[in-house]
C-alpha atoms as a PDB file:
ATOM      1  CA  MET A   1      42.763 -94.122   3.518  1.00  0.00           C
ATOM      2  CA  SER A   2      39.634 -94.024   1.394  1.00  0.00           C
ATOM      3  CA  VAL A   3      37.504 -90.907   1.350  1.00  0.00           C
ATOM      4  CA  HIS A   4      33.745 -91.368   1.325  1.00  0.00           C
ATOM      5  CA  LYS A   5      31.717 -88.698  -0.411  1.00  0.00           C
ATOM      6  CA  LYS A   6      28.235 -87.983   0.871  1.00  0.00           C
ATOM      7  CA  GLU A   7      25.290 -86.605  -1.061  1.00  0.00           C
ATOM      8  CA  ILE A   8      22.442 -84.970   0.827  1.00  0.00           C
ATOM      9  CA  LEU A   9      19.184 -86.541  -0.339  1.00  0.00           C
ATOM     10  CA  GLY A  10      16.824 -84.899   2.139  1.00  0.00           C
ATOM     11  CA  ILE A  11      17.196 -82.242   4.776  1.00  0.00           C
ATOM     12  CA  SER A  12      15.127 -80.285   7.261  1.00  0.00           C
ATOM     13  CA  GLU A  13      15.890 -78.371  10.418  1.00  0.00           C
ATOM     14  CA  LYS A  14      16.167 -81.504  12.602  1.00  0.00           C
ATOM     15  CA  CYS A  15      16.592 -84.365  10.140  1.00  0.00           C
ATOM     16  CA  MET A  16      18.983 -85.138   7.296  1.00  0.00           C
ATOM     17  CA  ILE A  17      19.621 -88.190   5.146  1.00  0.00           C
ATOM     18  CA  GLN A  18      22.817 -88.583   3.192  1.00  0.00           C
ATOM     19  CA  LYS A  19      23.847 -91.229   0.689  1.00  0.00           C
ATOM     20  CA  CYS A  20      27.461 -92.263   1.100  1.00  0.00           C
ATOM     21  CA  SER A  21      29.684 -93.359  -1.773  1.00  0.00           C
ATOM     22  CA  CYS A  22      30.120 -96.678   0.103  1.00  0.00           C
ATOM     23  CA  GLY A  23      26.412 -97.390  -0.551  1.00  0.00           C
ATOM     24  CA  ALA A  24      25.164 -96.796   2.988  1.00  0.00           C
ATOM     25  CA  PHE A  25      22.739 -94.102   4.094  1.00  0.00           C
ATOM     26  CA  HIS A  26      23.347 -91.817   7.050  1.00  0.00           C
ATOM     27  CA  LEU A  27      20.258 -90.769   8.984  1.00  0.00           C
ATOM     28  CA  HIS A  28      20.711 -87.777  11.268  1.00  0.00           C
ATOM     29  CA  TYR A  29      18.019 -86.759  13.725  1.00  0.00           C
ATOM     30  CA  GLN A  30      18.869 -84.087  16.269  1.00  0.00           C
ATOM     31  CA  TYR A  31      21.994 -85.415  18.022  1.00  0.00           C
ATOM     32  CA  LEU A  32      21.855 -88.981  16.655  1.00  0.00           C
ATOM     33  CA  SER A  33      23.545 -90.275  13.536  1.00  0.00           C
ATOM     34  CA  ILE A  34      23.070 -93.852  12.327  1.00  0.00           C
ATOM     35  CA  THR A  35      24.215 -95.728   9.252  1.00  0.00           C
ATOM     36  CA  ILE A  36      21.568 -97.865   7.563  1.00  0.00           C
ATOM     37  CA  LYS A  37      20.952 -99.833   4.373  1.00  0.00           C
ATOM     38  CA  LYS A  38      18.484 -98.838   1.668  1.00  0.00           C
ATOM     39  CA  GLU A  39      16.121-101.618   2.745  1.00  0.00           C
ATOM     40  CA  THR A  40      16.053-100.201   6.285  1.00  0.00           C
ATOM     41  CA  LEU A  41      15.207 -96.773   4.893  1.00  0.00           C
ATOM     42  CA  PHE A  42      12.264 -98.281   3.020  1.00  0.00           C
ATOM     43  CA  ALA A  43      11.152-100.080   6.212  1.00  0.00           C
ATOM     44  CA  ILE A  44      11.256 -96.729   8.049  1.00  0.00           C
ATOM     45  CA  MET A  45       9.131 -95.207   5.281  1.00  0.00           C
ATOM     46  CA  HIS A  46       6.566 -97.989   5.731  1.00  0.00           C
ATOM     47  CA  LYS A  47       6.488 -97.555   9.515  1.00  0.00           C
ATOM     48  CA  CYS A  48       6.073 -93.775   9.151  1.00  0.00           C
ATOM     49  CA  TYR A  49       3.149 -94.344   6.795  1.00  0.00           C
ATOM     50  CA  ALA A  50       1.563 -96.832   9.206  1.00  0.00           C
ATOM     51  CA  TRP A  51       2.020 -94.422  12.136  1.00  0.00           C
ATOM     52  CA  LYS A  52       0.460 -91.565  10.171  1.00  0.00           C
ATOM     53  CA  GLU A  53      -2.528 -93.760   9.308  1.00  0.00           C
ATOM     54  CA  GLN A  54      -2.867 -94.790  12.953  1.00  0.00           C
ATOM     55  CA  ILE A  55      -2.901 -91.130  13.990  1.00  0.00           C
ATOM     56  CA  LYS A  56      -5.668 -90.427  11.443  1.00  0.00           C
ATOM     57  CA  LYS A  57      -7.815 -93.329  12.658  1.00  0.00           C
ATOM     58  CA  SER A  58      -7.459 -92.738  16.355  1.00  0.00           C
ATOM     59  CA  ALA A  59      -6.178 -89.285  17.144  1.00  0.00           C
ATOM     60  CA  SER A  60      -6.874 -89.707  20.847  1.00  0.00           C
ATOM     61  CA  CYS A  61      -4.766 -92.883  21.009  1.00  0.00           C
ATOM     62  CA  CYS A  62      -1.657 -91.367  19.481  1.00  0.00           C
ATOM     63  CA  HIS A  63      -2.155 -87.767  20.521  1.00  0.00           C
ATOM     64  CA  LYS A  64       1.164 -86.348  21.631  1.00  0.00           C
ATOM     65  CA  ARG A  65       2.807 -89.789  21.783  1.00  0.00           C
ATOM     66  CA  PRO A  66       6.265 -90.030  20.237  1.00  0.00           C
ATOM     67  CA  PHE A  67       6.964 -92.216  17.219  1.00  0.00           C
ATOM     68  CA  LYS A  68       9.328 -95.005  18.289  1.00  0.00           C
ATOM     69  CA  LEU A  69      11.408 -96.856  15.763  1.00  0.00           C
ATOM     70  CA  SER A  70      13.538 -99.898  16.637  1.00  0.00           C
ATOM     71  CA  LEU A  71      16.592-100.339  14.444  1.00  0.00           C
ATOM     72  CA  GLY A  72      18.485-103.360  15.695  1.00  0.00           C
ATOM     73  CA  VAL A  73      19.833-102.496  19.140  1.00  0.00           C
ATOM     74  CA  CYS A  74      18.977 -98.805  18.699  1.00  0.00           C
ATOM     75  CA  THR A  75      15.570 -97.255  19.381  1.00  0.00           C
ATOM     76  CA  LEU A  76      14.942 -93.918  17.743  1.00  0.00           C
ATOM     77  CA  THR A  77      12.247 -91.786  19.370  1.00  0.00           C
ATOM     78  CA  ILE A  78      10.770 -89.015  17.234  1.00  0.00           C
ATOM     79  CA  SER A  79       8.788 -86.474  19.241  1.00  0.00           C
ATOM     80  CA  TYR A  80       5.173 -85.895  18.253  1.00  0.00           C
ATOM     81  CA  GLU A  81       6.075 -82.323  17.280  1.00  0.00           C
ATOM     82  CA  ASP A  82       8.922 -83.483  14.995  1.00  0.00           C
ATOM     83  CA  PHE A  83       7.125 -86.404  13.342  1.00  0.00           C
ATOM     84  CA  GLU A  84       5.718 -84.476  10.361  1.00  0.00           C
ATOM     85  CA  GLU A  85       9.143 -83.022   9.570  1.00  0.00           C
ATOM     86  CA  PHE A  86      10.874 -86.408   9.988  1.00  0.00           C
ATOM     87  CA  ASN A  87       8.245 -88.153   7.861  1.00  0.00           C
ATOM     88  CA  GLN A  88       8.522 -85.516   5.134  1.00  0.00           C
ATOM     89  CA  VAL A  89      12.278 -86.068   4.820  1.00  0.00           C
ATOM     90  CA  ILE A  90      11.849 -89.857   4.789  1.00  0.00           C
ATOM     91  CA  GLN A  91       9.138 -89.650   2.095  1.00  0.00           C
ATOM     92  CA  GLU A  92      11.218 -87.213   0.007  1.00  0.00           C
ATOM     93  CA  VAL A  93      14.277 -89.467   0.046  1.00  0.00           C
ATOM     94  CA  THR A  94      12.436 -92.718  -0.649  1.00  0.00           C
ATOM     95  CA  THR A  95      10.553 -91.044  -3.505  1.00  0.00           C
ATOM     96  CA  LYS A  96      13.909 -90.082  -5.037  1.00  0.00           C
ATOM     97  CA  LEU A  97      15.354 -93.572  -4.531  1.00  0.00           C
ATOM     98  CA  LEU A  98      12.332 -95.268  -6.076  1.00  0.00           C
ATOM     99  CA  ASN A  99      12.206 -92.754  -8.955  1.00  0.00           C
ATOM    100  CA  LEU A 100       8.508 -92.203  -8.241  1.00  0.00           C
ATOM    101  CA  ASP A 101       8.584 -88.736  -9.817  1.00  0.00           C
ATOM    102  CA  GLN A 102       9.727 -90.206 -13.141  1.00  0.00           C
ATOM    103  CA  LEU A 103       7.178 -93.018 -12.919  1.00  0.00           C
ATOM    104  CA  MET A 104       4.388 -90.500 -12.332  1.00  0.00           C
ATOM    105  CA  VAL A 105       5.451 -88.450 -15.366  1.00  0.00           C
ATOM    106  CA  LYS A 106       5.623 -91.586 -17.546  1.00  0.00           C
ATOM    107  CA  GLY A 107       2.257 -92.772 -16.223  1.00  0.00           C
ATOM    108  CA  LEU A 108       0.595 -89.444 -16.939  1.00  0.00           C
ATOM    109  CA  ALA A 109       2.182 -89.292 -20.393  1.00  0.00           C
ATOM    110  CA  SER A 110       0.831 -92.744 -21.234  1.00  0.00           C
ATOM    111  CA  LEU A 111      -2.686 -91.608 -20.338  1.00  0.00           C
ATOM    112  CA  ASN A 112      -2.577 -88.896 -23.019  1.00  0.00           C
END
């Protein structure tokens, strides 16, 4: 029986994302745990960004509404109160996966 090792990439009180040695990512939110691909994680990042922009543009429209995310046959509903925390973990993990921190350092170094 193979043993899969998991590395925690991002964690908060209600959300955690782990990278498994099999190549999959495990997204935990409250009582739910789903296994997703890297591409799905990036799609979630994009949807979080779009939702945040929608909230900025029309606060009355989205005020207190939950963030709903369809992932195949599963719909994940993030409460309005938890969205910032969920989004922060998603952004942290995708930043790590895209090596954006290193790109920023290289970009700043090339400006000097």
